[in-house]
Amino acid sequence: MLNFASKLIALMQFFEIYSKIKQINAENLPGFEAQAKLSPPYRQKLSLEELKIYKPKMSAVMLLVYNKNNIPHIVLTQRQEYKGVHSRQISFPGGQTEKQDKNLLQTALRETYEEIGVSIAEDKVLKEITWLYVPPSNFLIYPYVALVDKTLNFNKDDVEVKSILEIPLTDFMNKNNLTNFDYYIKSQDISINCPCFNINGHIIWGATAMILNEFLTILEQ
């Protein structure tokens, strides 16, 4: 009886997430206002037209909500250590567009499969939410939200991914997990205080936190 009840609750939760995301369109997305609440300081707001002079690298990520133990979870990855500004940071599966990608959605789907070994059908992708520019790496990110009401088996790419994080959606909705941390910028020898999610010691900040906050804002509307 308890197992049936938990499955019913999960079904209701997934239906609510589905409904909230599907009713959103480009005109009523929370957008930059929601992103800004989790933005590092000094981040400049630029339009797509203004960004053209920087020739940003086009990329896409997948915000994947799935069922684990009848609870909605979000999957994130911790990057391997490498010589780059995002070394060891926590991010969504995703990456830069390649020549074979017919559009940005295909980039997100391909990168998700390459990084965590999960193949997602296009009809499981509910919505593209607000794009985000990342100045340190000159990436222009387009996030997609996918909903899969089943348990997933992961197979990570050891070259790019140090670990896969499966985090209950409720952990992100828990305001006690919102905090700040000091990020040290080695090249400038300064520290900046940044808002973040601290989930069991995992610091999720920057573009990932900003995208998450827009998603959470949609669910809270």
N, C-alpha and C. Protein backbone atom coordinates (compact mmCIF):
# COMPACT_ATOMS: atom_id res chain seq x y z
N MET A 1 0.82 -1.21 0.00
CA MET A 1 0.00 0.00 0.00
C MET A 1 0.86 1.26 0.00
N LEU A 2 1.93 1.26 0.84
CA LEU A 2 2.82 2.41 0.89
C LEU A 2 3.53 2.62 -0.44
N ASN A 3 3.93 1.51 -1.08
CA ASN A 3 4.61 1.61 -2.36
C ASN A 3 3.69 2.22 -3.42
N PHE A 4 2.42 1.79 -3.42
CA PHE A 4 1.45 2.35 -4.36
C PHE A 4 1.25 3.83 -4.09
N ALA A 5 1.15 4.20 -2.82
CA ALA A 5 0.94 5.60 -2.45
C ALA A 5 2.11 6.46 -2.89
N SER A 6 3.34 5.96 -2.70
CA SER A 6 4.52 6.73 -3.09
C SER A 6 4.58 6.90 -4.61
N LYS A 7 4.17 5.87 -5.34
CA LYS A 7 4.14 5.97 -6.80
C LYS A 7 3.10 6.98 -7.26
N LEU A 8 1.96 7.02 -6.56
CA LEU A 8 0.91 7.96 -6.91
C LEU A 8 1.37 9.40 -6.64
N ILE A 9 2.04 9.60 -5.51
CA ILE A 9 2.57 10.93 -5.18
C ILE A 9 3.59 11.37 -6.22
N ALA A 10 4.47 10.44 -6.62
CA ALA A 10 5.48 10.74 -7.64
C ALA A 10 4.82 11.11 -8.96
N LEU A 11 3.77 10.39 -9.33
CA LEU A 11 3.05 10.67 -10.57
C LEU A 11 2.47 12.08 -10.54
N MET A 12 1.91 12.45 -9.40
CA MET A 12 1.34 13.79 -9.25
C MET A 12 2.42 14.86 -9.33
N GLN A 13 3.58 14.58 -8.72
CA GLN A 13 4.68 15.53 -8.76
C GLN A 13 5.19 15.73 -10.18
N PHE A 14 5.35 14.64 -10.91
CA PHE A 14 5.84 14.75 -12.28
C PHE A 14 4.82 15.45 -13.18
N PHE A 15 3.53 15.22 -12.93
CA PHE A 15 2.51 15.90 -13.72
C PHE A 15 2.54 17.40 -13.44
N GLU A 16 2.76 17.78 -12.19
CA GLU A 16 2.82 19.20 -11.84
C GLU A 16 4.02 19.87 -12.49
N ILE A 17 5.18 19.19 -12.46
CA ILE A 17 6.37 19.74 -13.12
C ILE A 17 6.11 19.89 -14.62
N TYR A 18 5.54 18.85 -15.21
CA TYR A 18 5.22 18.88 -16.64
C TYR A 18 4.32 20.07 -16.97
N SER A 19 3.25 20.25 -16.18
CA SER A 19 2.28 21.31 -16.44
C SER A 19 2.91 22.69 -16.31
N LYS A 20 3.72 22.88 -15.26
CA LYS A 20 4.35 24.18 -15.02
C LYS A 20 5.28 24.57 -16.16
N ILE A 21 6.09 23.60 -16.61
CA ILE A 21 7.06 23.90 -17.66
C ILE A 21 6.38 24.10 -19.01
N LYS A 22 5.38 23.27 -19.31
CA LYS A 22 4.72 23.36 -20.61
C LYS A 22 3.94 24.65 -20.80
N GLN A 23 3.45 25.25 -19.70
CA GLN A 23 2.64 26.46 -19.84
C GLN A 23 3.49 27.72 -20.03
N ILE A 24 4.80 27.58 -19.82
CA ILE A 24 5.71 28.71 -19.97
C ILE A 24 6.04 28.92 -21.45
N ASN A 25 6.11 30.18 -21.85
CA ASN A 25 6.58 30.50 -23.21
C ASN A 25 7.63 31.60 -23.12
N ALA A 26 8.16 31.98 -24.26
CA ALA A 26 9.26 32.95 -24.28
C ALA A 26 8.87 34.28 -23.65
N GLU A 27 7.57 34.62 -23.71
CA GLU A 27 7.12 35.91 -23.20
C GLU A 27 7.00 35.94 -21.67
N ASN A 28 6.72 34.79 -21.05
CA ASN A 28 6.52 34.83 -19.60
C ASN A 28 7.57 34.02 -18.81
N LEU A 29 8.69 33.72 -19.43
CA LEU A 29 9.79 33.11 -18.70
C LEU A 29 10.30 34.08 -17.62
N PRO A 30 10.67 33.58 -16.45
CA PRO A 30 11.24 34.47 -15.42
C PRO A 30 12.54 35.13 -15.87
N GLY A 31 13.29 34.43 -16.72
CA GLY A 31 14.44 35.00 -17.41
C GLY A 31 15.54 35.56 -16.53
N PHE A 32 16.08 36.71 -16.98
CA PHE A 32 17.28 37.27 -16.36
C PHE A 32 17.04 37.69 -14.92
N GLU A 33 15.82 38.08 -14.58
CA GLU A 33 15.53 38.49 -13.21
C GLU A 33 15.73 37.32 -12.25
N ALA A 34 15.25 36.13 -12.64
CA ALA A 34 15.43 34.94 -11.80
C ALA A 34 16.90 34.51 -11.79
N GLN A 35 17.55 34.56 -12.93
CA GLN A 35 18.97 34.19 -12.99
C GLN A 35 19.82 35.08 -12.10
N ALA A 36 19.50 36.39 -12.10
CA ALA A 36 20.33 37.37 -11.40
C ALA A 36 20.39 37.12 -9.90
N LYS A 37 19.37 36.49 -9.34
CA LYS A 37 19.34 36.24 -7.90
C LYS A 37 20.43 35.26 -7.46
N LEU A 38 20.93 34.44 -8.39
CA LEU A 38 22.03 33.51 -8.08
C LEU A 38 23.29 33.85 -8.87
N SER A 39 23.36 35.08 -9.37
CA SER A 39 24.50 35.49 -10.18
C SER A 39 25.68 35.91 -9.33
N PRO A 40 26.89 35.56 -9.74
CA PRO A 40 28.07 36.14 -9.09
C PRO A 40 28.05 37.66 -9.25
N PRO A 41 28.73 38.39 -8.38
CA PRO A 41 28.72 39.86 -8.51
C PRO A 41 29.44 40.33 -9.76
N TYR A 42 29.09 41.52 -10.17
CA TYR A 42 29.74 42.22 -11.28
C TYR A 42 29.43 41.61 -12.65
N ARG A 43 28.45 40.70 -12.72
CA ARG A 43 28.13 40.12 -14.02
C ARG A 43 27.31 41.13 -14.82
N GLN A 44 27.79 41.48 -15.99
CA GLN A 44 27.13 42.47 -16.84
C GLN A 44 26.00 41.84 -17.64
N LYS A 45 24.88 42.54 -17.73
CA LYS A 45 23.76 42.06 -18.53
C LYS A 45 23.90 42.59 -19.95
N LEU A 46 24.00 41.68 -20.92
CA LEU A 46 24.17 42.05 -22.32
C LEU A 46 23.09 41.39 -23.16
N SER A 47 22.67 42.07 -24.20
CA SER A 47 21.70 41.51 -25.14
C SER A 47 22.43 40.61 -26.14
N LEU A 48 21.65 39.79 -26.85
CA LEU A 48 22.26 38.94 -27.88
C LEU A 48 22.95 39.79 -28.94
N GLU A 49 22.39 40.93 -29.24
CA GLU A 49 23.00 41.82 -30.23
C GLU A 49 24.34 42.33 -29.73
N GLU A 50 24.39 42.73 -28.47
CA GLU A 50 25.64 43.24 -27.89
C GLU A 50 26.70 42.15 -27.78
N LEU A 51 26.26 40.90 -27.61
CA LEU A 51 27.20 39.79 -27.46
C LEU A 51 27.91 39.43 -28.77
N LYS A 52 27.36 39.85 -29.88
CA LYS A 52 27.93 39.47 -31.18
C LYS A 52 29.39 39.87 -31.31
N ILE A 53 29.77 40.98 -30.70
CA ILE A 53 31.16 41.45 -30.85
C ILE A 53 32.15 40.50 -30.18
N TYR A 54 31.67 39.69 -29.23
CA TYR A 54 32.54 38.74 -28.53
C TYR A 54 32.65 37.41 -29.27
N LYS A 55 31.80 37.20 -30.26
CA LYS A 55 31.76 35.94 -31.00
C LYS A 55 31.73 34.74 -30.04
N PRO A 56 30.70 34.67 -29.21
CA PRO A 56 30.66 33.62 -28.18
C PRO A 56 30.55 32.23 -28.79
N LYS A 57 31.03 31.25 -28.04
CA LYS A 57 30.92 29.85 -28.46
C LYS A 57 29.54 29.34 -28.09
N MET A 58 28.83 28.82 -29.08
CA MET A 58 27.46 28.35 -28.87
C MET A 58 27.48 27.01 -28.16
N SER A 59 26.61 26.87 -27.16
CA SER A 59 26.56 25.62 -26.42
C SER A 59 25.14 25.40 -25.89
N ALA A 60 24.90 24.18 -25.41
CA ALA A 60 23.59 23.83 -24.87
C ALA A 60 23.77 22.83 -23.74
N VAL A 61 22.87 22.91 -22.75
CA VAL A 61 22.91 21.99 -21.62
C VAL A 61 21.52 21.40 -21.39
N MET A 62 21.49 20.28 -20.65
CA MET A 62 20.23 19.59 -20.37
C MET A 62 19.95 19.60 -18.87
N LEU A 63 18.85 20.23 -18.49
CA LEU A 63 18.35 20.15 -17.12
C LEU A 63 17.37 18.98 -17.11
N LEU A 64 17.86 17.85 -16.66
CA LEU A 64 17.13 16.58 -16.75
C LEU A 64 16.52 16.21 -15.40
N VAL A 65 15.18 16.16 -15.37
CA VAL A 65 14.45 15.73 -14.18
C VAL A 65 13.99 14.29 -14.43
N TYR A 66 14.26 13.41 -13.48
CA TYR A 66 13.93 11.99 -13.67
C TYR A 66 13.49 11.39 -12.35
N ASN A 67 12.99 10.17 -12.41
CA ASN A 67 12.43 9.49 -11.25
C ASN A 67 13.46 8.56 -10.62
N LYS A 68 13.73 8.77 -9.35
CA LYS A 68 14.56 7.84 -8.59
C LYS A 68 13.87 7.58 -7.25
N ASN A 69 13.51 6.33 -7.03
CA ASN A 69 12.81 5.95 -5.79
C ASN A 69 11.53 6.76 -5.60
N ASN A 70 10.84 7.01 -6.72
CA ASN A 70 9.58 7.76 -6.71
C ASN A 70 9.73 9.20 -6.23
N ILE A 71 10.92 9.74 -6.45
CA ILE A 71 11.20 11.13 -6.09
C ILE A 71 11.85 11.81 -7.30
N PRO A 72 11.37 12.99 -7.71
CA PRO A 72 12.03 13.72 -8.81
C PRO A 72 13.45 14.12 -8.43
N HIS A 73 14.39 13.78 -9.28
CA HIS A 73 15.80 14.13 -9.10
C HIS A 73 16.29 14.94 -10.29
N ILE A 74 17.38 15.67 -10.08
CA ILE A 74 18.10 16.36 -11.15
C ILE A 74 19.51 15.81 -11.19
N VAL A 75 20.02 15.55 -12.40
CA VAL A 75 21.37 15.03 -12.53
C VAL A 75 22.32 16.17 -12.90
N LEU A 76 23.45 16.22 -12.19
CA LEU A 76 24.52 17.16 -12.47
C LEU A 76 25.83 16.38 -12.58
N THR A 77 26.83 17.02 -13.15
CA THR A 77 28.14 16.39 -13.24
C THR A 77 29.20 17.29 -12.60
N GLN A 78 30.20 16.65 -12.01
CA GLN A 78 31.37 17.40 -11.59
C GLN A 78 32.46 17.18 -12.63
N ARG A 79 32.98 18.28 -13.15
CA ARG A 79 34.00 18.17 -14.19
C ARG A 79 35.32 17.66 -13.61
N GLN A 80 36.08 17.03 -14.49
CA GLN A 80 37.43 16.64 -14.12
C GLN A 80 38.30 17.88 -13.95
N GLU A 81 39.42 17.73 -13.31
CA GLU A 81 40.37 18.84 -13.19
C GLU A 81 41.11 19.01 -14.51
N TYR A 82 41.17 20.24 -14.98
CA TYR A 82 41.87 20.52 -16.25
C TYR A 82 42.30 21.98 -16.24
N LYS A 83 43.07 22.38 -17.21
CA LYS A 83 43.54 23.76 -17.29
C LYS A 83 42.46 24.61 -17.95
N GLY A 84 41.56 25.09 -17.15
CA GLY A 84 40.47 25.91 -17.64
C GLY A 84 39.71 26.53 -16.49
N VAL A 85 38.92 27.56 -16.78
CA VAL A 85 38.25 28.32 -15.73
C VAL A 85 37.14 27.52 -15.03
N HIS A 86 36.65 26.46 -15.67
CA HIS A 86 35.56 25.69 -15.07
C HIS A 86 36.01 24.34 -14.51
N SER A 87 37.30 24.18 -14.32
CA SER A 87 37.85 22.94 -13.78
C SER A 87 37.19 22.58 -12.46
N ARG A 88 36.75 21.31 -12.34
CA ARG A 88 36.18 20.72 -11.13
C ARG A 88 34.83 21.31 -10.72
N GLN A 89 34.30 22.20 -11.53
CA GLN A 89 33.00 22.79 -11.18
C GLN A 89 31.85 21.82 -11.48
N ILE A 90 30.71 22.10 -10.88
CA ILE A 90 29.51 21.28 -11.06
C ILE A 90 28.63 21.93 -12.11
N SER A 91 28.16 21.12 -13.04
CA SER A 91 27.42 21.66 -14.18
C SER A 91 26.36 20.67 -14.65
N PHE A 92 25.53 21.13 -15.57
CA PHE A 92 24.60 20.25 -16.25
C PHE A 92 25.34 19.48 -17.35
N PRO A 93 24.85 18.32 -17.74
CA PRO A 93 25.40 17.69 -18.95
C PRO A 93 25.21 18.65 -20.12
N GLY A 94 26.25 18.81 -20.91
CA GLY A 94 26.15 19.73 -22.04
C GLY A 94 27.51 20.14 -22.53
N GLY A 95 27.52 20.98 -23.56
CA GLY A 95 28.79 21.42 -24.11
C GLY A 95 28.62 22.20 -25.39
N GLN A 96 29.72 22.38 -26.08
CA GLN A 96 29.77 23.23 -27.26
C GLN A 96 29.16 22.54 -28.48
N THR A 97 28.52 23.35 -29.30
CA THR A 97 27.94 22.84 -30.55
C THR A 97 29.04 22.32 -31.48
N GLU A 98 28.75 21.21 -32.14
CA GLU A 98 29.67 20.65 -33.14
C GLU A 98 29.01 20.63 -34.51
N LYS A 99 29.81 20.43 -35.54
CA LYS A 99 29.33 20.57 -36.91
C LYS A 99 28.17 19.64 -37.23
N GLN A 100 28.14 18.45 -36.62
CA GLN A 100 27.09 17.50 -36.96
C GLN A 100 25.75 17.82 -36.31
N ASP A 101 25.73 18.77 -35.36
CA ASP A 101 24.48 19.11 -34.68
C ASP A 101 23.63 20.00 -35.59
N LYS A 102 22.40 19.56 -35.85
CA LYS A 102 21.53 20.34 -36.72
C LYS A 102 20.93 21.55 -36.01
N ASN A 103 20.91 21.51 -34.67
CA ASN A 103 20.42 22.64 -33.88
C ASN A 103 20.95 22.50 -32.45
N LEU A 104 20.61 23.47 -31.61
CA LEU A 104 21.12 23.47 -30.23
C LEU A 104 20.52 22.35 -29.40
N LEU A 105 19.28 21.98 -29.68
CA LEU A 105 18.68 20.84 -28.96
C LEU A 105 19.49 19.58 -29.22
N GLN A 106 19.91 19.38 -30.46
CA GLN A 106 20.72 18.21 -30.78
C GLN A 106 22.06 18.24 -30.03
N THR A 107 22.59 19.44 -29.83
CA THR A 107 23.81 19.57 -29.04
C THR A 107 23.58 19.08 -27.62
N ALA A 108 22.49 19.53 -27.01
CA ALA A 108 22.18 19.12 -25.63
C ALA A 108 21.96 17.62 -25.53
N LEU A 109 21.24 17.05 -26.48
CA LEU A 109 20.97 15.61 -26.47
C LEU A 109 22.26 14.81 -26.66
N ARG A 110 23.08 15.23 -27.62
CA ARG A 110 24.34 14.52 -27.90
C ARG A 110 25.28 14.58 -26.71
N GLU A 111 25.44 15.78 -26.14
CA GLU A 111 26.36 15.94 -25.02
C GLU A 111 25.88 15.15 -23.79
N THR A 112 24.57 15.09 -23.58
CA THR A 112 24.03 14.32 -22.46
C THR A 112 24.38 12.84 -22.62
N TYR A 113 24.26 12.34 -23.82
CA TYR A 113 24.60 10.94 -24.07
C TYR A 113 26.10 10.71 -23.91
N GLU A 114 26.90 11.63 -24.44
CA GLU A 114 28.35 11.45 -24.37
C GLU A 114 28.88 11.54 -22.94
N GLU A 115 28.32 12.45 -22.15
CA GLU A 115 28.87 12.69 -20.81
C GLU A 115 28.34 11.73 -19.75
N ILE A 116 27.05 11.40 -19.81
CA ILE A 116 26.48 10.55 -18.74
C ILE A 116 25.83 9.27 -19.27
N GLY A 117 25.89 9.03 -20.59
CA GLY A 117 25.40 7.78 -21.16
C GLY A 117 23.90 7.64 -21.18
N VAL A 118 23.17 8.76 -21.16
CA VAL A 118 21.71 8.72 -21.17
C VAL A 118 21.19 9.26 -22.51
N SER A 119 20.42 8.42 -23.21
CA SER A 119 19.81 8.83 -24.47
C SER A 119 18.39 9.31 -24.19
N ILE A 120 18.08 10.52 -24.57
CA ILE A 120 16.77 11.12 -24.30
C ILE A 120 16.03 11.33 -25.62
N ALA A 121 14.80 10.85 -25.68
CA ALA A 121 13.96 11.10 -26.86
C ALA A 121 13.57 12.57 -26.90
N GLU A 122 13.47 13.12 -28.10
CA GLU A 122 13.16 14.54 -28.24
C GLU A 122 11.82 14.90 -27.60
N ASP A 123 10.86 13.96 -27.61
CA ASP A 123 9.55 14.29 -27.04
C ASP A 123 9.57 14.37 -25.51
N LYS A 124 10.70 14.01 -24.89
CA LYS A 124 10.84 14.16 -23.44
C LYS A 124 11.40 15.54 -23.07
N VAL A 125 11.80 16.30 -24.08
CA VAL A 125 12.30 17.66 -23.84
C VAL A 125 11.10 18.61 -23.88
N LEU A 126 10.85 19.26 -22.76
CA LEU A 126 9.64 20.07 -22.62
C LEU A 126 9.80 21.50 -23.12
N LYS A 127 10.97 22.09 -22.86
CA LYS A 127 11.08 23.52 -23.10
C LYS A 127 12.53 23.96 -23.14
N GLU A 128 12.79 24.98 -23.95
CA GLU A 128 14.05 25.73 -23.88
C GLU A 128 13.79 26.92 -22.97
N ILE A 129 14.65 27.12 -21.97
CA ILE A 129 14.47 28.28 -21.11
C ILE A 129 15.53 29.34 -21.46
N THR A 130 15.69 30.34 -20.62
CA THR A 130 16.45 31.53 -21.01
C THR A 130 17.95 31.27 -21.18
N TRP A 131 18.47 31.76 -22.29
CA TRP A 131 19.90 31.63 -22.57
C TRP A 131 20.72 32.38 -21.52
N LEU A 132 22.00 32.05 -21.46
CA LEU A 132 22.89 32.64 -20.46
C LEU A 132 24.29 32.76 -21.03
N TYR A 133 24.89 33.92 -20.85
CA TYR A 133 26.26 34.15 -21.31
C TYR A 133 27.23 34.00 -20.15
N VAL A 134 28.34 33.29 -20.39
CA VAL A 134 29.35 33.05 -19.35
C VAL A 134 30.64 33.77 -19.77
N PRO A 135 30.91 34.95 -19.20
CA PRO A 135 32.07 35.75 -19.64
C PRO A 135 33.42 35.06 -19.52
N PRO A 136 33.73 34.35 -18.41
CA PRO A 136 35.10 33.80 -18.28
C PRO A 136 35.50 32.85 -19.41
N SER A 137 34.53 32.10 -19.94
CA SER A 137 34.85 31.13 -21.00
C SER A 137 34.24 31.52 -22.35
N ASN A 138 33.52 32.64 -22.38
CA ASN A 138 32.89 33.13 -23.62
C ASN A 138 31.93 32.11 -24.22
N PHE A 139 31.16 31.44 -23.37
CA PHE A 139 30.15 30.50 -23.83
C PHE A 139 28.77 31.15 -23.75
N LEU A 140 27.97 30.94 -24.78
CA LEU A 140 26.57 31.32 -24.78
C LEU A 140 25.77 30.03 -24.64
N ILE A 141 25.11 29.85 -23.49
CA ILE A 141 24.47 28.59 -23.15
C ILE A 141 22.96 28.66 -23.36
N TYR A 142 22.43 27.64 -24.02
CA TYR A 142 20.98 27.49 -24.17
C TYR A 142 20.56 26.25 -23.38
N PRO A 143 19.77 26.46 -22.30
CA PRO A 143 19.36 25.33 -21.46
C PRO A 143 18.03 24.73 -21.94
N TYR A 144 17.95 23.40 -21.88
CA TYR A 144 16.71 22.68 -22.20
C TYR A 144 16.29 21.88 -20.98
N VAL A 145 14.97 21.79 -20.77
CA VAL A 145 14.42 21.03 -19.66
C VAL A 145 13.79 19.75 -20.21
N ALA A 146 14.21 18.60 -19.68
CA ALA A 146 13.64 17.31 -20.06
C ALA A 146 13.08 16.62 -18.83
N LEU A 147 12.01 15.86 -19.02
CA LEU A 147 11.35 15.17 -17.93
C LEU A 147 11.19 13.70 -18.30
N VAL A 148 11.77 12.81 -17.49
CA VAL A 148 11.72 11.37 -17.75
C VAL A 148 11.21 10.69 -16.49
N ASP A 149 10.03 10.11 -16.55
CA ASP A 149 9.42 9.50 -15.37
C ASP A 149 9.85 8.05 -15.23
N LYS A 150 11.16 7.86 -15.08
CA LYS A 150 11.70 6.51 -14.85
C LYS A 150 13.09 6.63 -14.26
N THR A 151 13.57 5.52 -13.69
CA THR A 151 14.92 5.47 -13.16
C THR A 151 15.91 5.39 -14.31
N LEU A 152 17.04 6.08 -14.18
CA LEU A 152 18.04 6.10 -15.24
C LEU A 152 19.30 5.37 -14.80
N ASN A 153 19.97 4.78 -15.78
CA ASN A 153 21.28 4.16 -15.57
C ASN A 153 22.33 5.03 -16.24
N PHE A 154 23.33 5.42 -15.48
CA PHE A 154 24.34 6.34 -16.00
C PHE A 154 25.63 5.61 -16.36
N ASN A 155 26.29 6.15 -17.37
CA ASN A 155 27.59 5.63 -17.79
C ASN A 155 28.45 6.84 -18.16
N LYS A 156 29.24 7.31 -17.20
CA LYS A 156 29.92 8.59 -17.39
C LYS A 156 31.16 8.49 -18.27
N ASP A 157 31.46 9.59 -18.92
CA ASP A 157 32.68 9.75 -19.69
C ASP A 157 33.79 10.14 -18.72
N ASP A 158 34.70 9.22 -18.45
CA ASP A 158 35.73 9.46 -17.44
C ASP A 158 36.70 10.57 -17.84
N VAL A 159 36.79 10.88 -19.11
CA VAL A 159 37.70 11.94 -19.55
C VAL A 159 37.19 13.30 -19.09
N GLU A 160 35.88 13.54 -19.23
CA GLU A 160 35.31 14.84 -18.91
C GLU A 160 34.66 14.90 -17.53
N VAL A 161 34.13 13.78 -17.07
CA VAL A 161 33.29 13.78 -15.87
C VAL A 161 33.98 13.05 -14.72
N LYS A 162 34.18 13.77 -13.62
CA LYS A 162 34.76 13.16 -12.43
C LYS A 162 33.71 12.34 -11.68
N SER A 163 32.50 12.90 -11.54
CA SER A 163 31.43 12.19 -10.84
C SER A 163 30.07 12.68 -11.30
N ILE A 164 29.07 11.83 -11.12
CA ILE A 164 27.68 12.17 -11.42
C ILE A 164 26.95 12.38 -10.10
N LEU A 165 26.22 13.48 -10.02
CA LEU A 165 25.48 13.82 -8.81
C LEU A 165 23.99 13.68 -9.08
N GLU A 166 23.32 12.84 -8.29
CA GLU A 166 21.87 12.68 -8.38
C GLU A 166 21.26 13.39 -7.18
N ILE A 167 20.59 14.50 -7.42
CA ILE A 167 20.13 15.36 -6.33
C ILE A 167 18.61 15.50 -6.36
N PRO A 168 17.93 15.18 -5.26
CA PRO A 168 16.47 15.36 -5.22
C PRO A 168 16.09 16.81 -5.49
N LEU A 169 15.04 17.00 -6.27
CA LEU A 169 14.57 18.34 -6.58
C LEU A 169 14.27 19.13 -5.31
N THR A 170 13.75 18.46 -4.28
CA THR A 170 13.41 19.15 -3.03
C THR A 170 14.63 19.77 -2.36
N ASP A 171 15.82 19.23 -2.59
CA ASP A 171 17.04 19.81 -2.01
C ASP A 171 17.29 21.21 -2.56
N PHE A 172 16.96 21.41 -3.84
CA PHE A 172 17.13 22.74 -4.44
C PHE A 172 16.02 23.69 -3.99
N MET A 173 14.86 23.15 -3.68
CA MET A 173 13.74 23.98 -3.25
C MET A 173 13.84 24.35 -1.77
N ASN A 174 14.72 23.69 -1.04
CA ASN A 174 14.94 23.96 0.37
C ASN A 174 15.80 25.22 0.53
N LYS A 175 15.20 26.29 1.02
CA LYS A 175 15.91 27.57 1.13
C LYS A 175 17.10 27.50 2.07
N ASN A 176 17.13 26.51 2.96
CA ASN A 176 18.28 26.34 3.85
C ASN A 176 19.55 25.95 3.10
N ASN A 177 19.38 25.48 1.87
CA ASN A 177 20.54 25.10 1.06
C ASN A 177 21.07 26.24 0.20
N LEU A 178 20.44 27.42 0.32
CA LEU A 178 20.93 28.61 -0.37
C LEU A 178 21.90 29.35 0.55
N THR A 179 23.09 29.64 0.07
CA THR A 179 24.08 30.30 0.91
C THR A 179 25.05 31.09 0.01
N ASN A 180 26.20 31.45 0.55
CA ASN A 180 27.24 32.14 -0.22
C ASN A 180 28.59 31.48 0.06
N PHE A 181 29.51 31.66 -0.86
CA PHE A 181 30.88 31.19 -0.62
C PHE A 181 31.85 32.15 -1.29
N ASP A 182 33.10 32.10 -0.87
CA ASP A 182 34.13 32.96 -1.44
C ASP A 182 34.87 32.20 -2.53
N TYR A 183 34.82 32.73 -3.74
CA TYR A 183 35.50 32.12 -4.88
C TYR A 183 36.79 32.89 -5.16
N TYR A 184 37.90 32.16 -5.16
CA TYR A 184 39.20 32.79 -5.37
C TYR A 184 39.54 32.80 -6.86
N ILE A 185 39.81 33.99 -7.38
CA ILE A 185 40.23 34.15 -8.78
C ILE A 185 41.75 34.27 -8.80
N LYS A 186 42.40 33.20 -9.16
CA LYS A 186 43.85 33.13 -9.08
C LYS A 186 44.52 34.17 -9.97
N SER A 187 43.99 34.37 -11.18
CA SER A 187 44.62 35.28 -12.14
C SER A 187 44.63 36.73 -11.65
N GLN A 188 43.64 37.06 -10.77
CA GLN A 188 43.55 38.43 -10.25
C GLN A 188 43.92 38.52 -8.77
N ASP A 189 44.16 37.36 -8.16
CA ASP A 189 44.50 37.29 -6.73
C ASP A 189 43.46 38.01 -5.86
N ILE A 190 42.19 37.72 -6.16
CA ILE A 190 41.10 38.29 -5.35
C ILE A 190 40.06 37.20 -5.09
N SER A 191 39.24 37.41 -4.07
CA SER A 191 38.12 36.53 -3.78
C SER A 191 36.83 37.32 -3.94
N ILE A 192 35.82 36.68 -4.51
CA ILE A 192 34.51 37.31 -4.63
C ILE A 192 33.48 36.43 -3.93
N ASN A 193 32.52 37.07 -3.29
CA ASN A 193 31.49 36.36 -2.55
C ASN A 193 30.32 36.07 -3.49
N CYS A 194 30.02 34.79 -3.68
CA CYS A 194 29.04 34.37 -4.67
C CYS A 194 27.89 33.60 -4.03
N PRO A 195 26.66 33.83 -4.48
CA PRO A 195 25.55 33.00 -4.02
C PRO A 195 25.67 31.59 -4.60
N CYS A 196 25.15 30.61 -3.88
CA CYS A 196 25.27 29.23 -4.35
C CYS A 196 24.25 28.35 -3.65
N PHE A 197 24.08 27.14 -4.18
CA PHE A 197 23.43 26.04 -3.47
C PHE A 197 24.54 25.21 -2.83
N ASN A 198 24.38 24.89 -1.57
CA ASN A 198 25.30 23.98 -0.91
C ASN A 198 24.51 22.71 -0.58
N ILE A 199 24.70 21.68 -1.40
CA ILE A 199 23.96 20.43 -1.24
C ILE A 199 24.93 19.36 -0.74
N ASN A 200 24.85 19.05 0.55
CA ASN A 200 25.73 18.04 1.14
C ASN A 200 27.20 18.30 0.84
N GLY A 201 27.58 19.57 0.91
CA GLY A 201 28.97 19.94 0.69
C GLY A 201 29.33 20.22 -0.76
N HIS A 202 28.43 19.96 -1.68
CA HIS A 202 28.66 20.27 -3.10
C HIS A 202 28.23 21.72 -3.36
N ILE A 203 29.17 22.54 -3.82
CA ILE A 203 28.90 23.95 -4.09
C ILE A 203 28.49 24.10 -5.56
N ILE A 204 27.25 24.52 -5.76
CA ILE A 204 26.69 24.67 -7.11
C ILE A 204 26.43 26.15 -7.32
N TRP A 205 27.17 26.76 -8.22
CA TRP A 205 27.11 28.21 -8.36
C TRP A 205 27.26 28.61 -9.82
N GLY A 206 27.37 29.92 -10.05
CA GLY A 206 27.59 30.42 -11.40
C GLY A 206 26.44 30.11 -12.33
N ALA A 207 26.76 29.79 -13.58
CA ALA A 207 25.74 29.56 -14.59
C ALA A 207 24.78 28.45 -14.21
N THR A 208 25.29 27.38 -13.59
CA THR A 208 24.44 26.25 -13.21
C THR A 208 23.40 26.69 -12.19
N ALA A 209 23.82 27.43 -11.17
CA ALA A 209 22.88 27.92 -10.15
C ALA A 209 21.88 28.91 -10.75
N MET A 210 22.33 29.72 -11.67
CA MET A 210 21.45 30.72 -12.29
C MET A 210 20.35 30.04 -13.12
N ILE A 211 20.74 29.02 -13.88
CA ILE A 211 19.75 28.27 -14.67
C ILE A 211 18.79 27.54 -13.75
N LEU A 212 19.32 26.93 -12.71
CA LEU A 212 18.48 26.23 -11.73
C LEU A 212 17.46 27.18 -11.11
N ASN A 213 17.89 28.40 -10.80
CA ASN A 213 16.97 29.31 -10.13
C ASN A 213 15.83 29.75 -11.04
N GLU A 214 16.10 29.88 -12.34
CA GLU A 214 14.97 30.17 -13.24
C GLU A 214 14.00 29.00 -13.27
N PHE A 215 14.52 27.79 -13.34
CA PHE A 215 13.68 26.59 -13.33
C PHE A 215 12.83 26.51 -12.06
N LEU A 216 13.45 26.75 -10.90
CA LEU A 216 12.74 26.70 -9.63
C LEU A 216 11.68 27.80 -9.56
N THR A 217 11.99 28.96 -10.11
CA THR A 217 11.03 30.06 -10.12
C THR A 217 9.79 29.70 -10.93
N ILE A 218 9.99 29.00 -12.04
CA ILE A 218 8.85 28.54 -12.85
C ILE A 218 7.97 27.59 -12.03
N LEU A 219 8.60 26.68 -11.30
CA LEU A 219 7.84 25.71 -10.51
C LEU A 219 7.08 26.38 -9.37
N GLU A 220 7.62 27.49 -8.87
CA GLU A 220 7.01 28.17 -7.74
C GLU A 220 5.89 29.12 -8.15
N GLN A 221 5.77 29.41 -9.42
CA GLN A 221 4.76 30.36 -9.90
C GLN A 221 3.34 29.77 -9.78
